[in-house]
PDBML (XML) file of the C-alpha atoms, coordinates in Angstrom:
<?xml version="1.0" encoding="UTF-8" ?>
<PDBx:datablock datablockName="MODEL"
   xmlns:PDBx="http://pdbml.pdb.org/schema/pdbx-v50.xsd"
   xmlns:xsi="http://www.w3.org/2001/XMLSchema-instance"
   xsi:schemaLocation="http://pdbml.pdb.org/schema/pdbx-v50.xsd pdbx-v50.xsd">
   <PDBx:atom_siteCategory>
      <PDBx:atom_site id="1">
         <PDBx:B_iso_or_equiv>0.00</PDBx:B_iso_or_equiv>
         <PDBx:Cartn_x>41.103</PDBx:Cartn_x>
         <PDBx:Cartn_y>-13.824</PDBx:Cartn_y>
         <PDBx:Cartn_z>-78.010</PDBx:Cartn_z>
         <PDBx:auth_asym_id>A</PDBx:auth_asym_id>
         <PDBx:auth_atom_id>CA</PDBx:auth_atom_id>
         <PDBx:auth_comp_id>ARG</PDBx:auth_comp_id>
         <PDBx:auth_seq_id>1</PDBx:auth_seq_id>
         <PDBx:group_PDB>ATOM</PDBx:group_PDB>
         <PDBx:label_alt_id xsi:nil="true" />
         <PDBx:label_asym_id>A</PDBx:label_asym_id>
         <PDBx:label_atom_id>CA</PDBx:label_atom_id>
         <PDBx:label_comp_id>ARG</PDBx:label_comp_id>
         <PDBx:label_entity_id>1</PDBx:label_entity_id>
         <PDBx:label_seq_id>1</PDBx:label_seq_id>
         <PDBx:occupancy>1.00</PDBx:occupancy>
         <PDBx:pdbx_PDB_model_num>1</PDBx:pdbx_PDB_model_num>
         <PDBx:type_symbol>C</PDBx:type_symbol>
      </PDBx:atom_site>
      <PDBx:atom_site id="2">
         <PDBx:B_iso_or_equiv>0.00</PDBx:B_iso_or_equiv>
         <PDBx:Cartn_x>40.716</PDBx:Cartn_x>
         <PDBx:Cartn_y>-9.734</PDBx:Cartn_y>
         <PDBx:Cartn_z>-78.246</PDBx:Cartn_z>
         <PDBx:auth_asym_id>A</PDBx:auth_asym_id>
         <PDBx:auth_atom_id>CA</PDBx:auth_atom_id>
         <PDBx:auth_comp_id>GLU</PDBx:auth_comp_id>
         <PDBx:auth_seq_id>2</PDBx:auth_seq_id>
         <PDBx:group_PDB>ATOM</PDBx:group_PDB>
         <PDBx:label_alt_id xsi:nil="true" />
         <PDBx:label_asym_id>A</PDBx:label_asym_id>
         <PDBx:label_atom_id>CA</PDBx:label_atom_id>
         <PDBx:label_comp_id>GLU</PDBx:label_comp_id>
         <PDBx:label_entity_id>1</PDBx:label_entity_id>
         <PDBx:label_seq_id>2</PDBx:label_seq_id>
         <PDBx:occupancy>1.00</PDBx:occupancy>
         <PDBx:pdbx_PDB_model_num>1</PDBx:pdbx_PDB_model_num>
         <PDBx:type_symbol>C</PDBx:type_symbol>
      </PDBx:atom_site>
      <PDBx:atom_site id="3">
         <PDBx:B_iso_or_equiv>0.00</PDBx:B_iso_or_equiv>
         <PDBx:Cartn_x>42.107</PDBx:Cartn_x>
         <PDBx:Cartn_y>-8.920</PDBx:Cartn_y>
         <PDBx:Cartn_z>-75.139</PDBx:Cartn_z>
         <PDBx:auth_asym_id>A</PDBx:auth_asym_id>
         <PDBx:auth_atom_id>CA</PDBx:auth_atom_id>
         <PDBx:auth_comp_id>PHE</PDBx:auth_comp_id>
         <PDBx:auth_seq_id>3</PDBx:auth_seq_id>
         <PDBx:group_PDB>ATOM</PDBx:group_PDB>
         <PDBx:label_alt_id xsi:nil="true" />
         <PDBx:label_asym_id>A</PDBx:label_asym_id>
         <PDBx:label_atom_id>CA</PDBx:label_atom_id>
         <PDBx:label_comp_id>PHE</PDBx:label_comp_id>
         <PDBx:label_entity_id>1</PDBx:label_entity_id>
         <PDBx:label_seq_id>3</PDBx:label_seq_id>
         <PDBx:occupancy>1.00</PDBx:occupancy>
         <PDBx:pdbx_PDB_model_num>1</PDBx:pdbx_PDB_model_num>
         <PDBx:type_symbol>C</PDBx:type_symbol>
      </PDBx:atom_site>
      <PDBx:atom_site id="4">
         <PDBx:B_iso_or_equiv>0.00</PDBx:B_iso_or_equiv>
         <PDBx:Cartn_x>44.725</PDBx:Cartn_x>
         <PDBx:Cartn_y>-12.218</PDBx:Cartn_y>
         <PDBx:Cartn_z>-75.301</PDBx:Cartn_z>
         <PDBx:auth_asym_id>A</PDBx:auth_asym_id>
         <PDBx:auth_atom_id>CA</PDBx:auth_atom_id>
         <PDBx:auth_comp_id>GLU</PDBx:auth_comp_id>
         <PDBx:auth_seq_id>4</PDBx:auth_seq_id>
         <PDBx:group_PDB>ATOM</PDBx:group_PDB>
         <PDBx:label_alt_id xsi:nil="true" />
         <PDBx:label_asym_id>A</PDBx:label_asym_id>
         <PDBx:label_atom_id>CA</PDBx:label_atom_id>
         <PDBx:label_comp_id>GLU</PDBx:label_comp_id>
         <PDBx:label_entity_id>1</PDBx:label_entity_id>
         <PDBx:label_seq_id>4</PDBx:label_seq_id>
         <PDBx:occupancy>1.00</PDBx:occupancy>
         <PDBx:pdbx_PDB_model_num>1</PDBx:pdbx_PDB_model_num>
         <PDBx:type_symbol>C</PDBx:type_symbol>
      </PDBx:atom_site>
      <PDBx:atom_site id="5">
         <PDBx:B_iso_or_equiv>0.00</PDBx:B_iso_or_equiv>
         <PDBx:Cartn_x>44.292</PDBx:Cartn_x>
         <PDBx:Cartn_y>-13.438</PDBx:Cartn_y>
         <PDBx:Cartn_z>-71.984</PDBx:Cartn_z>
         <PDBx:auth_asym_id>A</PDBx:auth_asym_id>
         <PDBx:auth_atom_id>CA</PDBx:auth_atom_id>
         <PDBx:auth_comp_id>THR</PDBx:auth_comp_id>
         <PDBx:auth_seq_id>5</PDBx:auth_seq_id>
         <PDBx:group_PDB>ATOM</PDBx:group_PDB>
         <PDBx:label_alt_id xsi:nil="true" />
         <PDBx:label_asym_id>A</PDBx:label_asym_id>
         <PDBx:label_atom_id>CA</PDBx:label_atom_id>
         <PDBx:label_comp_id>THR</PDBx:label_comp_id>
         <PDBx:label_entity_id>1</PDBx:label_entity_id>
         <PDBx:label_seq_id>5</PDBx:label_seq_id>
         <PDBx:occupancy>1.00</PDBx:occupancy>
         <PDBx:pdbx_PDB_model_num>1</PDBx:pdbx_PDB_model_num>
         <PDBx:type_symbol>C</PDBx:type_symbol>
      </PDBx:atom_site>
      <PDBx:atom_site id="6">
         <PDBx:B_iso_or_equiv>0.00</PDBx:B_iso_or_equiv>
         <PDBx:Cartn_x>45.082</PDBx:Cartn_x>
         <PDBx:Cartn_y>-16.191</PDBx:Cartn_y>
         <PDBx:Cartn_z>-70.399</PDBx:Cartn_z>
         <PDBx:auth_asym_id>A</PDBx:auth_asym_id>
         <PDBx:auth_atom_id>CA</PDBx:auth_atom_id>
         <PDBx:auth_comp_id>ASP</PDBx:auth_comp_id>
         <PDBx:auth_seq_id>6</PDBx:auth_seq_id>
         <PDBx:group_PDB>ATOM</PDBx:group_PDB>
         <PDBx:label_alt_id xsi:nil="true" />
         <PDBx:label_asym_id>A</PDBx:label_asym_id>
         <PDBx:label_atom_id>CA</PDBx:label_atom_id>
         <PDBx:label_comp_id>ASP</PDBx:label_comp_id>
         <PDBx:label_entity_id>1</PDBx:label_entity_id>
         <PDBx:label_seq_id>6</PDBx:label_seq_id>
         <PDBx:occupancy>1.00</PDBx:occupancy>
         <PDBx:pdbx_PDB_model_num>1</PDBx:pdbx_PDB_model_num>
         <PDBx:type_symbol>C</PDBx:type_symbol>
      </PDBx:atom_site>
      <PDBx:atom_site id="7">
         <PDBx:B_iso_or_equiv>0.00</PDBx:B_iso_or_equiv>
         <PDBx:Cartn_x>41.812</PDBx:Cartn_x>
         <PDBx:Cartn_y>-18.229</PDBx:Cartn_y>
         <PDBx:Cartn_z>-70.675</PDBx:Cartn_z>
         <PDBx:auth_asym_id>A</PDBx:auth_asym_id>
         <PDBx:auth_atom_id>CA</PDBx:auth_atom_id>
         <PDBx:auth_comp_id>HIS</PDBx:auth_comp_id>
         <PDBx:auth_seq_id>7</PDBx:auth_seq_id>
         <PDBx:group_PDB>ATOM</PDBx:group_PDB>
         <PDBx:label_alt_id xsi:nil="true" />
         <PDBx:label_asym_id>A</PDBx:label_asym_id>
         <PDBx:label_atom_id>CA</PDBx:label_atom_id>
         <PDBx:label_comp_id>HIS</PDBx:label_comp_id>
         <PDBx:label_entity_id>1</PDBx:label_entity_id>
         <PDBx:label_seq_id>7</PDBx:label_seq_id>
         <PDBx:occupancy>1.00</PDBx:occupancy>
         <PDBx:pdbx_PDB_model_num>1</PDBx:pdbx_PDB_model_num>
         <PDBx:type_symbol>C</PDBx:type_symbol>
      </PDBx:atom_site>
      <PDBx:atom_site id="8">
         <PDBx:B_iso_or_equiv>0.00</PDBx:B_iso_or_equiv>
         <PDBx:Cartn_x>40.381</PDBx:Cartn_x>
         <PDBx:Cartn_y>-21.133</PDBx:Cartn_y>
         <PDBx:Cartn_z>-68.412</PDBx:Cartn_z>
         <PDBx:auth_asym_id>A</PDBx:auth_asym_id>
         <PDBx:auth_atom_id>CA</PDBx:auth_atom_id>
         <PDBx:auth_comp_id>HIS</PDBx:auth_comp_id>
         <PDBx:auth_seq_id>8</PDBx:auth_seq_id>
         <PDBx:group_PDB>ATOM</PDBx:group_PDB>
         <PDBx:label_alt_id xsi:nil="true" />
         <PDBx:label_asym_id>A</PDBx:label_asym_id>
         <PDBx:label_atom_id>CA</PDBx:label_atom_id>
         <PDBx:label_comp_id>HIS</PDBx:label_comp_id>
         <PDBx:label_entity_id>1</PDBx:label_entity_id>
         <PDBx:label_seq_id>8</PDBx:label_seq_id>
         <PDBx:occupancy>1.00</PDBx:occupancy>
         <PDBx:pdbx_PDB_model_num>1</PDBx:pdbx_PDB_model_num>
         <PDBx:type_symbol>C</PDBx:type_symbol>
      </PDBx:atom_site>
      <PDBx:atom_site id="9">
         <PDBx:B_iso_or_equiv>0.00</PDBx:B_iso_or_equiv>
         <PDBx:Cartn_x>37.358</PDBx:Cartn_x>
         <PDBx:Cartn_y>-22.609</PDBx:Cartn_y>
         <PDBx:Cartn_z>-69.700</PDBx:Cartn_z>
         <PDBx:auth_asym_id>A</PDBx:auth_asym_id>
         <PDBx:auth_atom_id>CA</PDBx:auth_atom_id>
         <PDBx:auth_comp_id>LYS</PDBx:auth_comp_id>
         <PDBx:auth_seq_id>9</PDBx:auth_seq_id>
         <PDBx:group_PDB>ATOM</PDBx:group_PDB>
         <PDBx:label_alt_id xsi:nil="true" />
         <PDBx:label_asym_id>A</PDBx:label_asym_id>
         <PDBx:label_atom_id>CA</PDBx:label_atom_id>
         <PDBx:label_comp_id>LYS</PDBx:label_comp_id>
         <PDBx:label_entity_id>1</PDBx:label_entity_id>
         <PDBx:label_seq_id>9</PDBx:label_seq_id>
         <PDBx:occupancy>1.00</PDBx:occupancy>
         <PDBx:pdbx_PDB_model_num>1</PDBx:pdbx_PDB_model_num>
         <PDBx:type_symbol>C</PDBx:type_symbol>
      </PDBx:atom_site>
      <PDBx:atom_site id="10">
         <PDBx:B_iso_or_equiv>0.00</PDBx:B_iso_or_equiv>
         <PDBx:Cartn_x>35.475</PDBx:Cartn_x>
         <PDBx:Cartn_y>-24.873</PDBx:Cartn_y>
         <PDBx:Cartn_z>-67.556</PDBx:Cartn_z>
         <PDBx:auth_asym_id>A</PDBx:auth_asym_id>
         <PDBx:auth_atom_id>CA</PDBx:auth_atom_id>
         <PDBx:auth_comp_id>ILE</PDBx:auth_comp_id>
         <PDBx:auth_seq_id>10</PDBx:auth_seq_id>
         <PDBx:group_PDB>ATOM</PDBx:group_PDB>
         <PDBx:label_alt_id xsi:nil="true" />
         <PDBx:label_asym_id>A</PDBx:label_asym_id>
         <PDBx:label_atom_id>CA</PDBx:label_atom_id>
         <PDBx:label_comp_id>ILE</PDBx:label_comp_id>
         <PDBx:label_entity_id>1</PDBx:label_entity_id>
         <PDBx:label_seq_id>10</PDBx:label_seq_id>
         <PDBx:occupancy>1.00</PDBx:occupancy>
         <PDBx:pdbx_PDB_model_num>1</PDBx:pdbx_PDB_model_num>
         <PDBx:type_symbol>C</PDBx:type_symbol>
      </PDBx:atom_site>
      <PDBx:atom_site id="11">
         <PDBx:B_iso_or_equiv>0.00</PDBx:B_iso_or_equiv>
         <PDBx:Cartn_x>32.674</PDBx:Cartn_x>
         <PDBx:Cartn_y>-27.155</PDBx:Cartn_y>
         <PDBx:Cartn_z>-68.259</PDBx:Cartn_z>
         <PDBx:auth_asym_id>A</PDBx:auth_asym_id>
         <PDBx:auth_atom_id>CA</PDBx:auth_atom_id>
         <PDBx:auth_comp_id>HIS</PDBx:auth_comp_id>
         <PDBx:auth_seq_id>11</PDBx:auth_seq_id>
         <PDBx:group_PDB>ATOM</PDBx:group_PDB>
         <PDBx:label_alt_id xsi:nil="true" />
         <PDBx:label_asym_id>A</PDBx:label_asym_id>
         <PDBx:label_atom_id>CA</PDBx:label_atom_id>
         <PDBx:label_comp_id>HIS</PDBx:label_comp_id>
         <PDBx:label_entity_id>1</PDBx:label_entity_id>
         <PDBx:label_seq_id>11</PDBx:label_seq_id>
         <PDBx:occupancy>1.00</PDBx:occupancy>
         <PDBx:pdbx_PDB_model_num>1</PDBx:pdbx_PDB_model_num>
         <PDBx:type_symbol>C</PDBx:type_symbol>
      </PDBx:atom_site>
      <PDBx:atom_site id="12">
         <PDBx:B_iso_or_equiv>0.00</PDBx:B_iso_or_equiv>
         <PDBx:Cartn_x>30.493</PDBx:Cartn_x>
         <PDBx:Cartn_y>-29.413</PDBx:Cartn_y>
         <PDBx:Cartn_z>-66.196</PDBx:Cartn_z>
         <PDBx:auth_asym_id>A</PDBx:auth_asym_id>
         <PDBx:auth_atom_id>CA</PDBx:auth_atom_id>
         <PDBx:auth_comp_id>ILE</PDBx:auth_comp_id>
         <PDBx:auth_seq_id>12</PDBx:auth_seq_id>
         <PDBx:group_PDB>ATOM</PDBx:group_PDB>
         <PDBx:label_alt_id xsi:nil="true" />
         <PDBx:label_asym_id>A</PDBx:label_asym_id>
         <PDBx:label_atom_id>CA</PDBx:label_atom_id>
         <PDBx:label_comp_id>ILE</PDBx:label_comp_id>
         <PDBx:label_entity_id>1</PDBx:label_entity_id>
         <PDBx:label_seq_id>12</PDBx:label_seq_id>
         <PDBx:occupancy>1.00</PDBx:occupancy>
         <PDBx:pdbx_PDB_model_num>1</PDBx:pdbx_PDB_model_num>
         <PDBx:type_symbol>C</PDBx:type_symbol>
      </PDBx:atom_site>
      <PDBx:atom_site id="13">
         <PDBx:B_iso_or_equiv>0.00</PDBx:B_iso_or_equiv>
         <PDBx:Cartn_x>28.579</PDBx:Cartn_x>
         <PDBx:Cartn_y>-32.285</PDBx:Cartn_y>
         <PDBx:Cartn_z>-66.576</PDBx:Cartn_z>
         <PDBx:auth_asym_id>A</PDBx:auth_asym_id>
         <PDBx:auth_atom_id>CA</PDBx:auth_atom_id>
         <PDBx:auth_comp_id>PRO</PDBx:auth_comp_id>
         <PDBx:auth_seq_id>13</PDBx:auth_seq_id>
         <PDBx:group_PDB>ATOM</PDBx:group_PDB>
         <PDBx:label_alt_id xsi:nil="true" />
         <PDBx:label_asym_id>A</PDBx:label_asym_id>
         <PDBx:label_atom_id>CA</PDBx:label_atom_id>
         <PDBx:label_comp_id>PRO</PDBx:label_comp_id>
         <PDBx:label_entity_id>1</PDBx:label_entity_id>
         <PDBx:label_seq_id>13</PDBx:label_seq_id>
         <PDBx:occupancy>1.00</PDBx:occupancy>
         <PDBx:pdbx_PDB_model_num>1</PDBx:pdbx_PDB_model_num>
         <PDBx:type_symbol>C</PDBx:type_symbol>
      </PDBx:atom_site>
      <PDBx:atom_site id="14">
         <PDBx:B_iso_or_equiv>0.00</PDBx:B_iso_or_equiv>
         <PDBx:Cartn_x>25.215</PDBx:Cartn_x>
         <PDBx:Cartn_y>-32.908</PDBx:Cartn_y>
         <PDBx:Cartn_z>-64.503</PDBx:Cartn_z>
         <PDBx:auth_asym_id>A</PDBx:auth_asym_id>
         <PDBx:auth_atom_id>CA</PDBx:auth_atom_id>
         <PDBx:auth_comp_id>VAL</PDBx:auth_comp_id>
         <PDBx:auth_seq_id>14</PDBx:auth_seq_id>
         <PDBx:group_PDB>ATOM</PDBx:group_PDB>
         <PDBx:label_alt_id xsi:nil="true" />
         <PDBx:label_asym_id>A</PDBx:label_asym_id>
         <PDBx:label_atom_id>CA</PDBx:label_atom_id>
         <PDBx:label_comp_id>VAL</PDBx:label_comp_id>
         <PDBx:label_entity_id>1</PDBx:label_entity_id>
         <PDBx:label_seq_id>14</PDBx:label_seq_id>
         <PDBx:occupancy>1.00</PDBx:occupancy>
         <PDBx:pdbx_PDB_model_num>1</PDBx:pdbx_PDB_model_num>
         <PDBx:type_symbol>C</PDBx:type_symbol>
      </PDBx:atom_site>
      <PDBx:atom_site id="15">
         <PDBx:B_iso_or_equiv>0.00</PDBx:B_iso_or_equiv>
         <PDBx:Cartn_x>26.427</PDBx:Cartn_x>
         <PDBx:Cartn_y>-35.202</PDBx:Cartn_y>
         <PDBx:Cartn_z>-62.869</PDBx:Cartn_z>
         <PDBx:auth_asym_id>A</PDBx:auth_asym_id>
         <PDBx:auth_atom_id>CA</PDBx:auth_atom_id>
         <PDBx:auth_comp_id>GLY</PDBx:auth_comp_id>
         <PDBx:auth_seq_id>15</PDBx:auth_seq_id>
         <PDBx:group_PDB>ATOM</PDBx:group_PDB>
         <PDBx:label_alt_id xsi:nil="true" />
         <PDBx:label_asym_id>A</PDBx:label_asym_id>
         <PDBx:label_atom_id>CA</PDBx:label_atom_id>
         <PDBx:label_comp_id>GLY</PDBx:label_comp_id>
         <PDBx:label_entity_id>1</PDBx:label_entity_id>
         <PDBx:label_seq_id>15</PDBx:label_seq_id>
         <PDBx:occupancy>1.00</PDBx:occupancy>
         <PDBx:pdbx_PDB_model_num>1</PDBx:pdbx_PDB_model_num>
         <PDBx:type_symbol>C</PDBx:type_symbol>
      </PDBx:atom_site>
      <PDBx:atom_site id="16">
         <PDBx:B_iso_or_equiv>0.00</PDBx:B_iso_or_equiv>
         <PDBx:Cartn_x>29.025</PDBx:Cartn_x>
         <PDBx:Cartn_y>-33.087</PDBx:Cartn_y>
         <PDBx:Cartn_z>-61.191</PDBx:Cartn_z>
         <PDBx:auth_asym_id>A</PDBx:auth_asym_id>
         <PDBx:auth_atom_id>CA</PDBx:auth_atom_id>
         <PDBx:auth_comp_id>ASP</PDBx:auth_comp_id>
         <PDBx:auth_seq_id>16</PDBx:auth_seq_id>
         <PDBx:group_PDB>ATOM</PDBx:group_PDB>
         <PDBx:label_alt_id xsi:nil="true" />
         <PDBx:label_asym_id>A</PDBx:label_asym_id>
         <PDBx:label_atom_id>CA</PDBx:label_atom_id>
         <PDBx:label_comp_id>ASP</PDBx:label_comp_id>
         <PDBx:label_entity_id>1</PDBx:label_entity_id>
         <PDBx:label_seq_id>16</PDBx:label_seq_id>
         <PDBx:occupancy>1.00</PDBx:occupancy>
         <PDBx:pdbx_PDB_model_num>1</PDBx:pdbx_PDB_model_num>
         <PDBx:type_symbol>C</PDBx:type_symbol>
      </PDBx:atom_site>
      <PDBx:atom_site id="17">
         <PDBx:B_iso_or_equiv>0.00</PDBx:B_iso_or_equiv>
         <PDBx:Cartn_x>26.502</PDBx:Cartn_x>
         <PDBx:Cartn_y>-30.652</PDBx:Cartn_y>
         <PDBx:Cartn_z>-60.739</PDBx:Cartn_z>
         <PDBx:auth_asym_id>A</PDBx:auth_asym_id>
         <PDBx:auth_atom_id>CA</PDBx:auth_atom_id>
         <PDBx:auth_comp_id>LEU</PDBx:auth_comp_id>
         <PDBx:auth_seq_id>17</PDBx:auth_seq_id>
         <PDBx:group_PDB>ATOM</PDBx:group_PDB>
         <PDBx:label_alt_id xsi:nil="true" />
         <PDBx:label_asym_id>A</PDBx:label_asym_id>
         <PDBx:label_atom_id>CA</PDBx:label_atom_id>
         <PDBx:label_comp_id>LEU</PDBx:label_comp_id>
         <PDBx:label_entity_id>1</PDBx:label_entity_id>
         <PDBx:label_seq_id>17</PDBx:label_seq_id>
         <PDBx:occupancy>1.00</PDBx:occupancy>
         <PDBx:pdbx_PDB_model_num>1</PDBx:pdbx_PDB_model_num>
         <PDBx:type_symbol>C</PDBx:type_symbol>
      </PDBx:atom_site>
      <PDBx:atom_site id="18">
         <PDBx:B_iso_or_equiv>0.00</PDBx:B_iso_or_equiv>
         <PDBx:Cartn_x>24.447</PDBx:Cartn_x>
         <PDBx:Cartn_y>-32.963</PDBx:Cartn_y>
         <PDBx:Cartn_z>-58.843</PDBx:Cartn_z>
         <PDBx:auth_asym_id>A</PDBx:auth_asym_id>
         <PDBx:auth_atom_id>CA</PDBx:auth_atom_id>
         <PDBx:auth_comp_id>VAL</PDBx:auth_comp_id>
         <PDBx:auth_seq_id>18</PDBx:auth_seq_id>
         <PDBx:group_PDB>ATOM</PDBx:group_PDB>
         <PDBx:label_alt_id xsi:nil="true" />
         <PDBx:label_asym_id>A</PDBx:label_asym_id>
         <PDBx:label_atom_id>CA</PDBx:label_atom_id>
         <PDBx:label_comp_id>VAL</PDBx:label_comp_id>
         <PDBx:label_entity_id>1</PDBx:label_entity_id>
         <PDBx:label_seq_id>18</PDBx:label_seq_id>
         <PDBx:occupancy>1.00</PDBx:occupancy>
         <PDBx:pdbx_PDB_model_num>1</PDBx:pdbx_PDB_model_num>
         <PDBx:type_symbol>C</PDBx:type_symbol>
      </PDBx:atom_site>
      <PDBx:atom_site id="19">
         <PDBx:B_iso_or_equiv>0.00</PDBx:B_iso_or_equiv>
         <PDBx:Cartn_x>27.552</PDBx:Cartn_x>
         <PDBx:Cartn_y>-34.408</PDBx:Cartn_y>
         <PDBx:Cartn_z>-56.303</PDBx:Cartn_z>
         <PDBx:auth_asym_id>A</PDBx:auth_asym_id>
         <PDBx:auth_atom_id>CA</PDBx:auth_atom_id>
         <PDBx:auth_comp_id>GLU</PDBx:auth_comp_id>
         <PDBx:auth_seq_id>19</PDBx:auth_seq_id>
         <PDBx:group_PDB>ATOM</PDBx:group_PDB>
         <PDBx:label_alt_id xsi:nil="true" />
         <PDBx:label_asym_id>A</PDBx:label_asym_id>
         <PDBx:label_atom_id>CA</PDBx:label_atom_id>
         <PDBx:label_comp_id>GLU</PDBx:label_comp_id>
         <PDBx:label_entity_id>1</PDBx:label_entity_id>
         <PDBx:label_seq_id>19</PDBx:label_seq_id>
         <PDBx:occupancy>1.00</PDBx:occupancy>
         <PDBx:pdbx_PDB_model_num>1</PDBx:pdbx_PDB_model_num>
         <PDBx:type_symbol>C</PDBx:type_symbol>
      </PDBx:atom_site>
      <PDBx:atom_site id="20">
         <PDBx:B_iso_or_equiv>0.00</PDBx:B_iso_or_equiv>
         <PDBx:Cartn_x>28.753</PDBx:Cartn_x>
         <PDBx:Cartn_y>-30.862</PDBx:Cartn_y>
         <PDBx:Cartn_z>-56.193</PDBx:Cartn_z>
         <PDBx:auth_asym_id>A</PDBx:auth_asym_id>
         <PDBx:auth_atom_id>CA</PDBx:auth_atom_id>
         <PDBx:auth_comp_id>ALA</PDBx:auth_comp_id>
         <PDBx:auth_seq_id>20</PDBx:auth_seq_id>
         <PDBx:group_PDB>ATOM</PDBx:group_PDB>
         <PDBx:label_alt_id xsi:nil="true" />
         <PDBx:label_asym_id>A</PDBx:label_asym_id>
         <PDBx:label_atom_id>CA</PDBx:label_atom_id>
         <PDBx:label_comp_id>ALA</PDBx:label_comp_id>
         <PDBx:label_entity_id>1</PDBx:label_entity_id>
         <PDBx:label_seq_id>20</PDBx:label_seq_id>
         <PDBx:occupancy>1.00</PDBx:occupancy>
         <PDBx:pdbx_PDB_model_num>1</PDBx:pdbx_PDB_model_num>
         <PDBx:type_symbol>C</PDBx:type_symbol>
      </PDBx:atom_site>
      <PDBx:atom_site id="21">
         <PDBx:B_iso_or_equiv>0.00</PDBx:B_iso_or_equiv>
         <PDBx:Cartn_x>24.815</PDBx:Cartn_x>
         <PDBx:Cartn_y>-29.290</PDBx:Cartn_y>
         <PDBx:Cartn_z>-54.176</PDBx:Cartn_z>
         <PDBx:auth_asym_id>A</PDBx:auth_asym_id>
         <PDBx:auth_atom_id>CA</PDBx:auth_atom_id>
         <PDBx:auth_comp_id>LEU</PDBx:auth_comp_id>
         <PDBx:auth_seq_id>21</PDBx:auth_seq_id>
         <PDBx:group_PDB>ATOM</PDBx:group_PDB>
         <PDBx:label_alt_id xsi:nil="true" />
         <PDBx:label_asym_id>A</PDBx:label_asym_id>
         <PDBx:label_atom_id>CA</PDBx:label_atom_id>
         <PDBx:label_comp_id>LEU</PDBx:label_comp_id>
         <PDBx:label_entity_id>1</PDBx:label_entity_id>
         <PDBx:label_seq_id>21</PDBx:label_seq_id>
         <PDBx:occupancy>1.00</PDBx:occupancy>
         <PDBx:pdbx_PDB_model_num>1</PDBx:pdbx_PDB_model_num>
         <PDBx:type_symbol>C</PDBx:type_symbol>
      </PDBx:atom_site>
      <PDBx:atom_site id="22">
         <PDBx:B_iso_or_equiv>0.00</PDBx:B_iso_or_equiv>
         <PDBx:Cartn_x>25.142</PDBx:Cartn_x>
         <PDBx:Cartn_y>-30.969</PDBx:Cartn_y>
         <PDBx:Cartn_z>-50.925</PDBx:Cartn_z>
         <PDBx:auth_asym_id>A</PDBx:auth_asym_id>
         <PDBx:auth_atom_id>CA</PDBx:auth_atom_id>
         <PDBx:auth_comp_id>PRO</PDBx:auth_comp_id>
         <PDBx:auth_seq_id>22</PDBx:auth_seq_id>
         <PDBx:group_PDB>ATOM</PDBx:group_PDB>
         <PDBx:label_alt_id xsi:nil="true" />
         <PDBx:label_asym_id>A</PDBx:label_asym_id>
         <PDBx:label_atom_id>CA</PDBx:label_atom_id>
         <PDBx:label_comp_id>PRO</PDBx:label_comp_id>
         <PDBx:label_entity_id>1</PDBx:label_entity_id>
         <PDBx:label_seq_id>22</PDBx:label_seq_id>
         <PDBx:occupancy>1.00</PDBx:occupancy>
         <PDBx:pdbx_PDB_model_num>1</PDBx:pdbx_PDB_model_num>
         <PDBx:type_symbol>C</PDBx:type_symbol>
      </PDBx:atom_site>
      <PDBx:atom_site id="23">
         <PDBx:B_iso_or_equiv>0.00</PDBx:B_iso_or_equiv>
         <PDBx:Cartn_x>28.509</PDBx:Cartn_x>
         <PDBx:Cartn_y>-28.988</PDBx:Cartn_y>
         <PDBx:Cartn_z>-51.098</PDBx:Cartn_z>
         <PDBx:auth_asym_id>A</PDBx:auth_asym_id>
         <PDBx:auth_atom_id>CA</PDBx:auth_atom_id>
         <PDBx:auth_comp_id>HIS</PDBx:auth_comp_id>
         <PDBx:auth_seq_id>23</PDBx:auth_seq_id>
         <PDBx:group_PDB>ATOM</PDBx:group_PDB>
         <PDBx:label_alt_id xsi:nil="true" />
         <PDBx:label_asym_id>A</PDBx:label_asym_id>
         <PDBx:label_atom_id>CA</PDBx:label_atom_id>
         <PDBx:label_comp_id>HIS</PDBx:label_comp_id>
         <PDBx:label_entity_id>1</PDBx:label_entity_id>
         <PDBx:label_seq_id>23</PDBx:label_seq_id>
         <PDBx:occupancy>1.00</PDBx:occupancy>
         <PDBx:pdbx_PDB_model_num>1</PDBx:pdbx_PDB_model_num>
         <PDBx:type_symbol>C</PDBx:type_symbol>
      </PDBx:atom_site>
      <PDBx:atom_site id="24">
         <PDBx:B_iso_or_equiv>0.00</PDBx:B_iso_or_equiv>
         <PDBx:Cartn_x>27.042</PDBx:Cartn_x>
         <PDBx:Cartn_y>-25.484</PDBx:Cartn_y>
         <PDBx:Cartn_z>-51.789</PDBx:Cartn_z>
         <PDBx:auth_asym_id>A</PDBx:auth_asym_id>
         <PDBx:auth_atom_id>CA</PDBx:auth_atom_id>
         <PDBx:auth_comp_id>ALA</PDBx:auth_comp_id>
         <PDBx:auth_seq_id>24</PDBx:auth_seq_id>
         <PDBx:group_PDB>ATOM</PDBx:group_PDB>
         <PDBx:label_alt_id xsi:nil="true" />
         <PDBx:label_asym_id>A</PDBx:label_asym_id>
         <PDBx:label_atom_id>CA</PDBx:label_atom_id>
         <PDBx:label_comp_id>ALA</PDBx:label_comp_id>
         <PDBx:label_entity_id>1</PDBx:label_entity_id>
         <PDBx:label_seq_id>24</PDBx:label_seq_id>
         <PDBx:occupancy>1.00</PDBx:occupancy>
         <PDBx:pdbx_PDB_model_num>1</PDBx:pdbx_PDB_model_num>
         <PDBx:type_symbol>C</PDBx:type_symbol>
      </PDBx:atom_site>
      <PDBx:atom_site id="25">
         <PDBx:B_iso_or_equiv>0.00</PDBx:B_iso_or_equiv>
         <PDBx:Cartn_x>24.767</PDBx:Cartn_x>
         <PDBx:Cartn_y>-25.663</PDBx:Cartn_y>
         <PDBx:Cartn_z>-49.555</PDBx:Cartn_z>
         <PDBx:auth_asym_id>A</PDBx:auth_asym_id>
         <PDBx:auth_atom_id>CA</PDBx:auth_atom_id>
         <PDBx:auth_comp_id>ILE</PDBx:auth_comp_id>
         <PDBx:auth_seq_id>25</PDBx:auth_seq_id>
         <PDBx:group_PDB>ATOM</PDBx:group_PDB>
         <PDBx:label_alt_id xsi:nil="true" />
         <PDBx:label_asym_id>A</PDBx:label_asym_id>
         <PDBx:label_atom_id>CA</PDBx:label_atom_id>
         <PDBx:label_comp_id>ILE</PDBx:label_comp_id>
         <PDBx:label_entity_id>1</PDBx:label_entity_id>
         <PDBx:label_seq_id>25</PDBx:label_seq_id>
         <PDBx:occupancy>1.00</PDBx:occupancy>
         <PDBx:pdbx_PDB_model_num>1</PDBx:pdbx_PDB_model_num>
         <PDBx:type_symbol>C</PDBx:type_symbol>
      </PDBx:atom_site>
   </PDBx:atom_siteCategory>
</PDBx:datablock>
């Protein structure tokens, strides 16, 4: 807000986190 950016918030539920673990590894 302070610097008027084009801001994108990304929320990841825990199920998506677990699904992504093998890909990250």
